[in-house]
Protein backbone atom coordinates (compact mmCIF):
# COMPACT_ATOMS: atom_id res chain seq x y z
CA MET A 1 11.64 3.66 4.04
CA ASP A 2 8.91 1.12 5.38
CA LEU A 3 11.10 -0.96 7.71
CA ALA A 4 8.54 -3.73 7.88
CA THR A 5 8.58 -4.00 3.75
CA LEU A 6 12.22 -3.75 3.50
CA ILE A 7 13.50 -5.94 6.56
CA GLY A 8 10.32 -9.27 5.40
CA LEU A 9 12.05 -8.91 1.53
CA LEU A 10 15.49 -9.00 2.66
CA LEU A 11 14.39 -12.16 5.55
CA ALA A 12 12.65 -13.84 2.95
CA VAL A 13 15.36 -13.15 -0.04
CA ILE A 14 18.25 -14.16 2.54
CA LEU A 15 15.87 -17.30 4.08
CA VAL A 16 15.28 -18.88 0.62
CA ILE A 17 19.25 -18.49 -0.58
CA GLY A 18 20.36 -19.81 2.61
CA GLY A 19 18.43 -22.62 2.50
CA ILE A 20 19.76 -22.99 -1.23
CA VAL A 21 23.32 -22.44 -0.19
CA VAL A 22 23.26 -25.17 2.53
CA GLY A 23 22.03 -27.64 0.46
CA GLY A 24 24.80 -27.32 -1.97
CA GLU A 25 25.30 -26.48 -5.73
CA PRO A 26 23.89 -22.51 -5.83
CA GLY A 27 24.78 -22.59 -9.14
CA ALA A 28 22.76 -25.85 -10.30
CA PHE A 29 19.62 -23.25 -9.37
CA VAL A 30 20.28 -20.09 -12.15
CA ASN A 31 19.09 -21.07 -15.51
CA PHE A 32 19.07 -17.83 -18.29
CA PRO A 33 16.61 -19.44 -20.55
CA SER A 34 14.02 -20.52 -17.40
CA LEU A 35 14.51 -16.70 -16.17
CA LEU A 36 13.88 -15.47 -19.68
CA VAL A 37 10.55 -17.72 -19.96
CA THR A 38 8.80 -17.15 -15.84
CA VAL A 39 9.83 -13.49 -15.62
CA GLY A 40 10.04 -12.31 -19.19
CA GLY A 41 6.65 -13.87 -19.98
CA THR A 42 5.04 -13.25 -16.57
CA PHE A 43 6.43 -8.95 -17.46
CA GLY A 44 5.15 -9.28 -20.97
CA ALA A 45 1.70 -10.72 -19.97
CA THR A 46 0.95 -8.07 -17.41
CA ILE A 47 2.11 -5.39 -19.95
CA MET A 48 -0.77 -6.93 -22.48
CA ALA A 49 -3.29 -6.83 -19.74
CA ASN A 50 -2.93 -3.27 -18.21
CA PRO A 51 -3.13 -0.04 -20.09
CA MET A 52 0.24 1.89 -20.65
CA GLU A 53 -0.21 4.33 -18.60
CA ARG A 54 -0.74 1.97 -15.66
CA ILE A 55 2.61 0.23 -16.22
CA ARG A 56 4.27 3.70 -16.90
CA GLY A 57 2.99 4.53 -13.29
CA VAL A 58 4.60 1.10 -11.69
CA GLY A 59 7.38 2.91 -10.07
CA LYS A 60 5.44 5.13 -8.44
CA VAL A 61 2.94 2.29 -7.02
CA LEU A 62 6.06 0.37 -5.75
CA ARG A 63 7.05 3.60 -3.94
CA ARG A 64 4.14 3.59 -1.98
CA ALA A 65 5.15 0.28 -0.36
CA PHE A 66 8.59 0.74 0.30
CA PHE A 67 8.52 4.27 1.26
CA ALA A 68 5.15 5.46 2.08
CA GLU A 69 4.43 5.97 5.99
CA SER A 70 1.00 5.38 7.77
CA PRO A 71 -0.88 8.76 8.02
CA ASP A 72 -0.58 10.66 12.25
CA LEU A 73 -3.96 9.67 12.84
CA ILE A 74 -3.24 11.27 17.07
CA GLY A 75 -1.75 14.48 15.13
CA LEU A 76 -4.56 14.64 12.18
CA VAL A 77 -7.54 14.39 15.35
CA GLN A 78 -5.17 16.93 17.32
CA THR A 79 -5.69 19.29 14.75
CA LEU A 80 -8.84 18.97 14.00
CA VAL A 81 -9.90 19.47 17.13
CA SER A 82 -8.01 22.44 17.40
CA PHE A 83 -9.14 23.99 14.26
CA ALA A 84 -12.80 23.07 15.55
CA GLU A 85 -12.09 25.06 18.66
CA LYS A 86 -10.73 28.30 16.72
CA ALA A 87 -13.94 28.22 14.73
CA ARG A 88 -16.37 28.02 17.90
CA ARG A 89 -14.21 31.11 19.04
CA GLU A 90 -14.00 33.31 15.93
CA GLY A 91 -15.66 31.47 13.37
CA LEU A 92 -15.53 29.76 10.16
CA LEU A 93 -14.03 32.19 8.25
CA ALA A 94 -11.13 32.41 10.75
CA LEU A 95 -9.81 28.58 9.31
CA GLU A 96 -8.97 30.89 5.93
CA ASP A 97 -5.56 31.52 7.46
CA ASP A 98 -4.77 27.88 8.60
CA THR A 99 -5.65 25.72 4.73
CA SER A 100 -2.07 27.62 3.51
CA GLU A 101 -0.18 25.93 6.62
CA LEU A 102 -1.75 22.31 5.92
CA ASP A 103 0.70 19.54 4.22
CA ASP A 104 -2.35 17.31 3.13
CA GLN A 105 -4.03 18.24 0.09
CA PHE A 106 -7.72 16.61 0.58
CA LEU A 107 -7.68 18.35 4.31
CA ARG A 108 -6.39 21.67 2.80
CA LYS A 109 -9.29 21.41 -0.26
CA SER A 110 -11.77 20.12 2.60
CA ILE A 111 -11.43 22.97 4.95
CA GLN A 112 -11.60 25.44 2.38
CA LEU A 113 -15.01 24.26 1.15
CA VAL A 114 -16.40 25.04 4.29
CA VAL A 115 -14.89 28.24 4.70
CA ASP A 116 -16.20 29.02 1.41
CA GLY A 117 -19.65 28.09 2.56
CA THR A 118 -20.33 25.09 0.53
CA ASP A 119 -23.85 23.05 1.62
CA PRO A 120 -22.97 20.09 3.98
CA GLU A 121 -24.21 17.73 1.87
CA LEU A 122 -22.28 19.38 -1.14
CA VAL A 123 -19.38 18.91 0.83
CA LYS A 124 -19.69 14.85 2.13
CA GLY A 125 -20.62 14.27 -1.68
CA ILE A 126 -17.82 15.89 -3.04
CA LEU A 127 -15.50 14.45 -0.35
CA ASP A 128 -16.99 11.23 -0.47
CA THR A 129 -16.39 11.08 -4.45
CA GLU A 130 -12.60 12.16 -4.00
CA ILE A 131 -12.18 9.01 -1.36
CA GLY A 132 -13.79 6.96 -3.83
CA LEU A 133 -11.79 7.53 -6.67
CA LEU A 134 -8.57 7.41 -4.44
CA GLU A 135 -9.59 3.96 -4.06
CA ASP A 136 -10.33 2.99 -7.47
CA ARG A 137 -6.41 4.17 -8.52
CA HIS A 138 -5.43 2.42 -5.45
CA ALA A 139 -6.98 -0.62 -6.76
CA ALA A 140 -5.81 -0.48 -10.30
CA GLY A 141 -2.29 0.08 -9.07
CA LYS A 142 -2.59 -3.12 -6.74
CA GLN A 143 -4.24 -4.86 -9.71
CA MET A 144 -0.58 -4.87 -11.57
CA PHE A 145 1.27 -6.81 -9.20
CA ASP A 146 -2.18 -9.49 -8.35
CA THR A 147 -1.73 -9.92 -12.28
CA MET A 148 1.88 -10.90 -11.90
CA ALA A 149 1.46 -13.02 -9.10
CA GLU A 150 -1.17 -15.05 -10.51
CA LEU A 151 0.92 -15.14 -14.05
CA ALA A 152 4.18 -16.05 -12.30
CA PRO A 153 3.67 -19.42 -11.25
CA ALA A 154 1.51 -20.35 -15.01
CA PHE A 155 4.56 -18.94 -16.77
CA GLY A 156 6.86 -21.23 -14.23
CA MET A 157 4.58 -24.12 -15.52
CA LEU A 158 5.28 -23.51 -18.80
CA GLY A 159 9.16 -23.16 -18.93
CA THR A 160 8.66 -26.72 -16.75
CA LEU A 161 6.22 -27.79 -20.08
CA ILE A 162 8.73 -26.29 -22.18
CA GLY A 163 12.03 -28.32 -20.42
CA LEU A 164 10.28 -31.14 -20.40
CA ILE A 165 9.56 -31.72 -23.81
CA GLN A 166 13.21 -31.01 -24.28
CA MET A 167 14.51 -33.78 -21.93
CA LEU A 168 11.97 -35.96 -23.62
CA ARG A 169 13.86 -35.73 -26.50
CA ASN A 170 17.09 -37.23 -25.16
CA LEU A 171 15.55 -39.89 -23.76
CA SER A 172 18.20 -42.39 -25.63
CA ASP A 173 20.78 -40.45 -22.89
CA PRO A 174 19.99 -41.92 -19.43
CA ASP A 175 22.48 -39.60 -18.16
CA ALA A 176 20.92 -36.47 -19.57
CA LEU A 177 17.73 -37.24 -17.43
CA GLY A 178 18.36 -35.83 -14.07
CA PRO A 179 19.85 -32.83 -14.92
CA GLY A 180 17.11 -32.07 -17.67
CA MET A 181 15.00 -32.56 -15.11
CA ALA A 182 16.59 -30.47 -12.63
CA VAL A 183 16.42 -27.91 -15.47
CA ALA A 184 12.84 -28.14 -16.24
CA LEU A 185 11.92 -27.32 -12.30
CA ILE A 186 13.59 -24.52 -11.93
CA THR A 187 11.11 -22.20 -14.09
CA THR A 188 8.41 -23.69 -11.46
CA PHE A 189 11.12 -22.20 -8.75
CA TYR A 190 11.44 -18.84 -10.28
CA GLY A 191 7.47 -18.52 -10.66
CA SER A 192 6.82 -19.47 -6.98
CA PHE A 193 9.41 -17.38 -6.01
CA LEU A 194 7.98 -14.18 -7.96
CA ALA A 195 5.12 -14.55 -6.96
CA ASN A 196 5.43 -15.06 -3.30
CA VAL A 197 8.42 -13.44 -2.36
CA ILE A 198 7.56 -9.82 -4.51
CA CYS A 199 3.76 -10.14 -6.11
CA ILE A 200 1.86 -11.28 -3.44
CA PRO A 201 3.53 -9.40 -0.40
CA VAL A 202 3.91 -6.07 -2.67
CA SER A 203 0.01 -6.50 -3.32
CA ARG A 204 -0.75 -6.95 0.04
CA LYS A 205 0.90 -3.71 1.40
CA LEU A 206 -0.74 -1.70 -1.07
CA ALA A 207 -4.36 -3.22 0.16
CA VAL A 208 -2.75 -1.76 3.54
CA ARG A 209 -1.51 1.60 2.72
CA SER A 210 -4.55 1.85 0.75
CA ALA A 211 -6.94 1.25 3.96
CA GLU A 212 -4.58 3.46 5.92
CA GLU A 213 -5.67 6.71 4.00
CA VAL A 214 -8.98 5.54 2.79
CA LEU A 215 -9.11 5.51 6.88
CA SER A 216 -7.64 9.33 7.23
CA ARG A 217 -10.09 10.50 4.68
CA GLU A 218 -12.88 9.59 6.40
CA LEU A 219 -11.85 10.87 9.58
CA MET A 220 -10.72 14.22 7.89
CA VAL A 221 -14.75 14.06 6.23
CA GLU A 222 -16.25 13.49 9.79
CA GLY A 223 -14.25 16.27 11.69
CA VAL A 224 -14.65 18.55 9.11
CA LEU A 225 -18.44 18.16 8.76
CA ALA A 226 -18.15 18.12 12.62
CA ILE A 227 -16.58 21.72 12.75
CA GLN A 228 -18.81 23.37 10.08
CA ALA A 229 -21.76 22.40 12.13
CA GLY A 230 -20.04 23.76 15.36
CA GLU A 231 -19.72 21.24 17.52
CA ASN A 232 -18.39 21.84 20.73
CA PRO A 233 -14.88 20.37 20.32
CA ARG A 234 -15.04 18.09 23.02
CA ILE A 235 -17.86 16.40 20.93
CA VAL A 236 -15.72 16.13 18.05
CA GLU A 237 -12.80 14.75 19.64
CA GLU A 238 -15.07 11.83 20.50
CA LYS A 239 -16.25 11.48 17.14
CA LEU A 240 -12.73 11.49 15.72
CA LYS A 241 -11.28 9.04 18.44
CA VAL A 242 -13.67 6.29 17.04
CA PHE A 243 -11.45 6.42 14.03
CA LEU A 244 -8.24 5.29 16.51
CA PRO A 245 -7.52 1.78 17.25
CA PRO A 246 -7.72 1.25 21.20
CA GLN A 247 -4.15 1.92 21.96
CA LEU A 248 -3.65 4.95 19.88
CA ARG A 249 -6.62 6.38 22.09
CA ASP A 250 -4.35 5.72 25.54
CA VAL A 251 -1.57 7.61 23.77
CA LEU A 252 -4.02 10.74 22.49
CA ASP A 253 -5.47 10.42 25.87
CA GLU A 254 -1.88 10.79 27.65
CA GLU A 255 -0.89 13.66 25.67
CA LYS A 256 -4.15 15.29 26.34
CA ASN A 257 -3.56 14.87 30.07
CA ARG A 258 0.36 15.82 29.79
CA ASP A 259 -0.17 19.12 27.83
CA GLY A 260 -3.34 19.90 30.49
CA LYS A 261 -0.71 19.61 33.64
CA GLY A 262 1.69 21.66 31.31
CA GLU A 263 -0.82 24.62 30.74
CA GLU A 264 -1.70 24.68 34.52
CA ARG A 265 1.63 25.43 35.66
């Protein structure tokens, strides 16, 4: 579970509801017809705008926003450097036994291509193509929430117009104008809430997750090609450290120094 996503969502919902409760009469913000127009209309139009295969996968896309974890870049660098050391000592074929122990399918495939003696340019082409297709899949999932974020306020405004039309039919009753206006504006509130509390944050988090995964895979490609070229493990490590933010580079150096001291003892 990604705590930032969960905490952010709960905080936004609690503060909005808290503001409603403190302001008095929270029941005035509950209107079933307005929910039908805003939420139902948004979901219906989103289904219309996307192929059914993509709609069926919306649950998997949501899980990425709430449950996906950031890749362990430090562990990935350490793994690739250890592979570089082994390949330098024993040859590329010695890595074949290690591929079955890798959890990451992309890394396993990358190492297997190298072990099989595939041309470096072809290895890079295959892996870059896979990364590009991954970005396309992630963009397609993100697009659904971008669509909902765009449509929700529009359906909120549509509901407001419906409410205003109904209210104007009762101009002969001044006492009904105030409640009628309140009901008309509730749909705008629902649309804004759906877009700004759920759809836009989820879309932004999906973009972050996609960027993290693409970065980790680009790191793998760089490391695997360096291993295939027979580069010195120290050079491989320096190449891969470029992909790490400064704070993670410091952590990697600290772990390396700590391991070095342990071996000396």
